[in-house]
Amino acid sequence: MASINVSDGGVPKLPVPESRILRHGLEGDRQRDLRFHGGADRAVSLFSLERIEALQAEGHPIVSGSIGENLTLAGLDWNLVVPGARMRVGDALLELTRYAAPCRNITGSFADGNMNRVSAKLHAGWSRLYARVIEEGLVRVGDPAALL
């Protein structure tokens, strides 16, 4: 686990050393617009540190949490992180539910303002994902994240 990110609504989500993952999401985190974020099937948002680093190499000012992910994960083949997969993150068990569609609130993380750089439809393997919580648990920066 490279980063755990929370906010009182909106982006960027800011790093914390640990959090409890609860059925509704991370303790200390809130979503501003519940029509598009949060709920049982979108309780946790995940993204890849390696994808962030690649986007930075392209010149984008993206950092962990700036596009709204709760968990920035490292060391996973992001092409295998797909809806339907389950993963253990710290003490929690998550089931990936869907790709997260980019929205205008994250345009500041992209040099050209084109948030579609992380669109699953346009750039397969470059999207954030949402997950539902199967088992609640504590997660700390440095905890392993593993696909099951």
C-alpha atoms as a PDB file:
ATOM      1  CA  MET A   1       0.000   0.000   0.000  1.00  0.00           C
ATOM      2  CA  ALA A   2       1.639   3.193  -1.189  1.00  0.00           C
ATOM      3  CA  SER A   3      -0.936   5.695   0.100  1.00  0.00           C
ATOM      4  CA  ILE A   4      -4.272   5.861   1.940  1.00  0.00           C
ATOM      5  CA  ASN A   5      -6.241   8.960   0.955  1.00  0.00           C
ATOM      6  CA  VAL A   6      -9.312  10.608   2.480  1.00  0.00           C
ATOM      7  CA  SER A   7     -11.131  13.941   2.296  1.00  0.00           C
ATOM      8  CA  ASP A   8     -14.154  15.706   3.704  1.00  0.00           C
ATOM      9  CA  GLY A   9     -15.579  15.642   0.185  1.00  0.00           C
ATOM     10  CA  GLY A  10     -14.030  16.126  -3.212  1.00  0.00           C
ATOM     11  CA  VAL A  11     -10.445  16.050  -4.431  1.00  0.00           C
ATOM     12  CA  PRO A  12      -7.678  15.933  -3.693  1.00  0.00           C
ATOM     13  CA  LYS A  13      -7.923  13.229  -1.093  1.00  0.00           C
ATOM     14  CA  LEU A  14      -5.063  13.661   1.366  1.00  0.00           C
ATOM     15  CA  PRO A  15      -2.764  10.975   2.779  1.00  0.00           C
ATOM     16  CA  VAL A  16      -3.261   9.416   6.209  1.00  0.00           C
ATOM     17  CA  PRO A  17      -1.082   6.702   7.779  1.00  0.00           C
ATOM     18  CA  GLU A  18      -3.981   4.321   8.421  1.00  0.00           C
ATOM     19  CA  SER A  19      -7.748   3.985   8.282  1.00  0.00           C
ATOM     20  CA  ARG A  20     -10.466   1.456   8.930  1.00  0.00           C
ATOM     21  CA  ILE A  21     -12.218   0.222   5.836  1.00  0.00           C
ATOM     22  CA  LEU A  22     -15.898  -0.001   6.739  1.00  0.00           C
ATOM     23  CA  ARG A  23     -18.868  -1.218   4.683  1.00  0.00           C
ATOM     24  CA  HIS A  24     -19.618   2.347   3.518  1.00  0.00           C
ATOM     25  CA  GLY A  25     -15.963   3.266   2.837  1.00  0.00           C
ATOM     26  CA  LEU A  26     -12.898   4.522   4.648  1.00  0.00           C
ATOM     27  CA  GLU A  27     -13.233   6.040   8.078  1.00  0.00           C
ATOM     28  CA  GLY A  28     -12.632   9.782   7.775  1.00  0.00           C
ATOM     29  CA  ASP A  29     -13.612   9.929   4.097  1.00  0.00           C
ATOM     30  CA  ARG A  30     -16.710  11.502   2.580  1.00  0.00           C
ATOM     31  CA  GLN A  31     -17.997  11.823  -0.972  1.00  0.00           C
ATOM     32  CA  ARG A  32     -19.445  15.142  -2.113  1.00  0.00           C
ATOM     33  CA  ASP A  33     -21.916  13.799  -4.705  1.00  0.00           C
ATOM     34  CA  LEU A  34     -23.512  10.492  -3.738  1.00  0.00           C
ATOM     35  CA  ARG A  35     -25.194  10.170  -7.136  1.00  0.00           C
ATOM     36  CA  PHE A  36     -21.816   9.242  -8.619  1.00  0.00           C
ATOM     37  CA  HIS A  37     -19.622   8.220  -5.671  1.00  0.00           C
ATOM     38  CA  GLY A  38     -19.975   6.094  -2.566  1.00  0.00           C
ATOM     39  CA  GLY A  39     -22.571   3.485  -1.707  1.00  0.00           C
ATOM     40  CA  ALA A  40     -22.111  -0.237  -1.230  1.00  0.00           C
ATOM     41  CA  ASP A  41     -20.732  -0.950  -4.722  1.00  0.00           C
ATOM     42  CA  ARG A  42     -18.493   2.153  -4.769  1.00  0.00           C
ATOM     43  CA  ALA A  43     -17.334   2.147  -1.146  1.00  0.00           C
ATOM     44  CA  VAL A  44     -13.601   2.236  -1.938  1.00  0.00           C
ATOM     45  CA  SER A  45     -11.748   3.688  -4.928  1.00  0.00           C
ATOM     46  CA  LEU A  46      -8.366   2.254  -5.967  1.00  0.00           C
ATOM     47  CA  PHE A  47      -5.589   3.259  -8.348  1.00  0.00           C
ATOM     48  CA  SER A  48      -2.066   2.182  -9.210  1.00  0.00           C
ATOM     49  CA  LEU A  49       1.108   3.952  -8.084  1.00  0.00           C
ATOM     50  CA  GLU A  50       2.860   2.690 -11.213  1.00  0.00           C
ATOM     51  CA  ARG A  51       0.150   4.239 -13.409  1.00  0.00           C
ATOM     52  CA  ILE A  52       0.499   7.537 -11.500  1.00  0.00           C
ATOM     53  CA  GLU A  53       4.275   7.480 -12.062  1.00  0.00           C
ATOM     54  CA  ALA A  54       3.785   6.760 -15.776  1.00  0.00           C
ATOM     55  CA  LEU A  55       1.317   9.651 -16.054  1.00  0.00           C
ATOM     56  CA  GLN A  56       3.806  11.917 -14.270  1.00  0.00           C
ATOM     57  CA  ALA A  57       6.447  10.842 -16.816  1.00  0.00           C
ATOM     58  CA  GLU A  58       4.027  12.000 -19.547  1.00  0.00           C
ATOM     59  CA  GLY A  59       4.022  15.434 -17.881  1.00  0.00           C
ATOM     60  CA  HIS A  60       0.792  15.255 -15.878  1.00  0.00           C
ATOM     61  CA  PRO A  61       0.756  16.843 -12.373  1.00  0.00           C
ATOM     62  CA  ILE A  62      -1.108  13.848 -10.879  1.00  0.00           C
ATOM     63  CA  VAL A  63      -0.169  12.634  -7.374  1.00  0.00           C
ATOM     64  CA  SER A  64      -1.609   9.991  -5.061  1.00  0.00           C
ATOM     65  CA  GLY A  65      -5.146  11.001  -4.091  1.00  0.00           C
ATOM     66  CA  SER A  66      -5.461  13.816  -6.626  1.00  0.00           C
ATOM     67  CA  ILE A  67      -7.937  11.877  -8.773  1.00  0.00           C
ATOM     68  CA  GLY A  68      -9.941  10.732  -5.774  1.00  0.00           C
ATOM     69  CA  GLU A  69      -8.628   7.257  -5.091  1.00  0.00           C
ATOM     70  CA  ASN A  70      -8.765   6.076  -1.484  1.00  0.00           C
ATOM     71  CA  LEU A  71      -6.047   3.478  -1.905  1.00  0.00           C
ATOM     72  CA  THR A  72      -2.971   3.931  -4.071  1.00  0.00           C
ATOM     73  CA  LEU A  73      -1.606   0.428  -4.592  1.00  0.00           C
ATOM     74  CA  ALA A  74       1.885  -0.585  -5.667  1.00  0.00           C
ATOM     75  CA  GLY A  75       3.320  -3.780  -7.102  1.00  0.00           C
ATOM     76  CA  LEU A  76       0.187  -5.138  -8.796  1.00  0.00           C
ATOM     77  CA  ASP A  77      -0.194  -5.865 -12.503  1.00  0.00           C
ATOM     78  CA  TRP A  78      -2.938  -3.269 -13.049  1.00  0.00           C
ATOM     79  CA  ASN A  79      -4.139  -5.114 -16.153  1.00  0.00           C
ATOM     80  CA  LEU A  80      -5.265  -7.937 -13.814  1.00  0.00           C
ATOM     81  CA  VAL A  81      -7.099  -5.573 -11.461  1.00  0.00           C
ATOM     82  CA  VAL A  82     -10.553  -5.896 -13.018  1.00  0.00           C
ATOM     83  CA  PRO A  83     -14.205  -5.918 -11.942  1.00  0.00           C
ATOM     84  CA  GLY A  84     -15.135  -9.210 -10.309  1.00  0.00           C
ATOM     85  CA  ALA A  85     -11.688  -9.792  -8.797  1.00  0.00           C
ATOM     86  CA  ARG A  86     -11.226  -9.946  -5.047  1.00  0.00           C
ATOM     87  CA  MET A  87      -8.287  -8.533  -3.187  1.00  0.00           C
ATOM     88  CA  ARG A  88      -6.949  -8.529   0.331  1.00  0.00           C
ATOM     89  CA  VAL A  89      -5.744  -5.091   1.445  1.00  0.00           C
ATOM     90  CA  GLY A  90      -4.403  -4.998   4.984  1.00  0.00           C
ATOM     91  CA  ASP A  91      -7.070  -6.688   7.119  1.00  0.00           C
ATOM     92  CA  ALA A  92      -9.898  -5.928   4.660  1.00  0.00           C
ATOM     93  CA  LEU A  93     -11.310  -8.027   1.830  1.00  0.00           C
ATOM     94  CA  LEU A  94     -12.602  -6.119  -1.216  1.00  0.00           C
ATOM     95  CA  GLU A  95     -14.452  -7.143  -4.357  1.00  0.00           C
ATOM     96  CA  LEU A  96     -13.867  -4.930  -7.377  1.00  0.00           C
ATOM     97  CA  THR A  97     -17.176  -3.828  -8.868  1.00  0.00           C
ATOM     98  CA  ARG A  98     -16.566  -1.433 -11.775  1.00  0.00           C
ATOM     99  CA  TYR A  99     -14.261   1.031 -13.418  1.00  0.00           C
ATOM    100  CA  ALA A 100     -14.574   4.602 -12.157  1.00  0.00           C
ATOM    101  CA  ALA A 101     -15.527   7.046 -14.893  1.00  0.00           C
ATOM    102  CA  PRO A 102     -13.418  10.212 -14.921  1.00  0.00           C
ATOM    103  CA  CYS A 103     -15.166  13.485 -14.064  1.00  0.00           C
ATOM    104  CA  ARG A 104     -14.342  17.159 -14.509  1.00  0.00           C
ATOM    105  CA  ASN A 105     -13.267  17.464 -10.859  1.00  0.00           C
ATOM    106  CA  ILE A 106      -9.979  15.699 -11.680  1.00  0.00           C
ATOM    107  CA  THR A 107      -8.976  17.793 -14.712  1.00  0.00           C
ATOM    108  CA  GLY A 108      -6.300  19.593 -12.673  1.00  0.00           C
ATOM    109  CA  SER A 109      -4.345  16.327 -12.476  1.00  0.00           C
ATOM    110  CA  PHE A 110      -3.778  16.347 -16.236  1.00  0.00           C
ATOM    111  CA  ALA A 111      -1.455  18.704 -18.144  1.00  0.00           C
ATOM    112  CA  ASP A 112      -3.990  19.172 -20.925  1.00  0.00           C
ATOM    113  CA  GLY A 113      -7.033  18.964 -18.636  1.00  0.00           C
ATOM    114  CA  ASN A 114      -8.101  15.780 -20.425  1.00  0.00           C
ATOM    115  CA  MET A 115      -9.289  13.515 -17.611  1.00  0.00           C
ATOM    116  CA  ASN A 116     -10.160  10.881 -20.223  1.00  0.00           C
ATOM    117  CA  ARG A 117      -6.536   9.714 -19.953  1.00  0.00           C
ATOM    118  CA  VAL A 118      -7.864   7.483 -17.137  1.00  0.00           C
ATOM    119  CA  SER A 119     -11.014   6.366 -18.968  1.00  0.00           C
ATOM    120  CA  ALA A 120     -11.406   2.577 -19.139  1.00  0.00           C
ATOM    121  CA  LYS A 121     -13.265   2.952 -22.444  1.00  0.00           C
ATOM    122  CA  LEU A 122     -10.503   4.956 -24.115  1.00  0.00           C
ATOM    123  CA  HIS A 123      -7.399   3.637 -22.321  1.00  0.00           C
ATOM    124  CA  ALA A 124      -7.917   0.073 -21.098  1.00  0.00           C
ATOM    125  CA  GLY A 125      -5.886  -0.692 -17.975  1.00  0.00           C
ATOM    126  CA  TRP A 126      -5.510   2.971 -16.939  1.00  0.00           C
ATOM    127  CA  SER A 127      -8.689   3.488 -14.917  1.00  0.00           C
ATOM    128  CA  ARG A 128      -9.401   3.680 -11.226  1.00  0.00           C
ATOM    129  CA  LEU A 129     -11.701   0.986  -9.883  1.00  0.00           C
ATOM    130  CA  TYR A 130     -14.451   0.885  -7.296  1.00  0.00           C
ATOM    131  CA  ALA A 131     -14.821  -1.910  -4.763  1.00  0.00           C
ATOM    132  CA  ARG A 132     -17.371  -3.188  -2.286  1.00  0.00           C
ATOM    133  CA  VAL A 133     -16.255  -4.217   1.179  1.00  0.00           C
ATOM    134  CA  ILE A 134     -16.638  -7.947   1.887  1.00  0.00           C
ATOM    135  CA  GLU A 135     -14.734  -7.867   5.199  1.00  0.00           C
ATOM    136  CA  GLU A 136     -14.036  -4.674   7.119  1.00  0.00           C
ATOM    137  CA  GLY A 137     -10.568  -4.105   8.492  1.00  0.00           C
ATOM    138  CA  LEU A 138      -7.680  -1.820   9.327  1.00  0.00           C
ATOM    139  CA  VAL A 139      -5.321  -0.760   6.543  1.00  0.00           C
ATOM    140  CA  ARG A 140      -1.934   0.919   7.009  1.00  0.00           C
ATOM    141  CA  VAL A 141       0.523   2.440   4.557  1.00  0.00           C
ATOM    142  CA  GLY A 142       2.967  -0.348   3.729  1.00  0.00           C
ATOM    143  CA  ASP A 143       0.393  -3.149   4.127  1.00  0.00           C
ATOM    144  CA  PRO A 144       0.370  -5.673   1.304  1.00  0.00           C
ATOM    145  CA  ALA A 145      -2.357  -5.647  -1.333  1.00  0.00           C
ATOM    146  CA  ALA A 146      -2.882  -8.923  -3.174  1.00  0.00           C
ATOM    147  CA  LEU A 147      -5.320 -10.234  -5.752  1.00  0.00           C
ATOM    148  CA  LEU A 148      -6.923 -13.500  -4.686  1.00  0.00           C
END
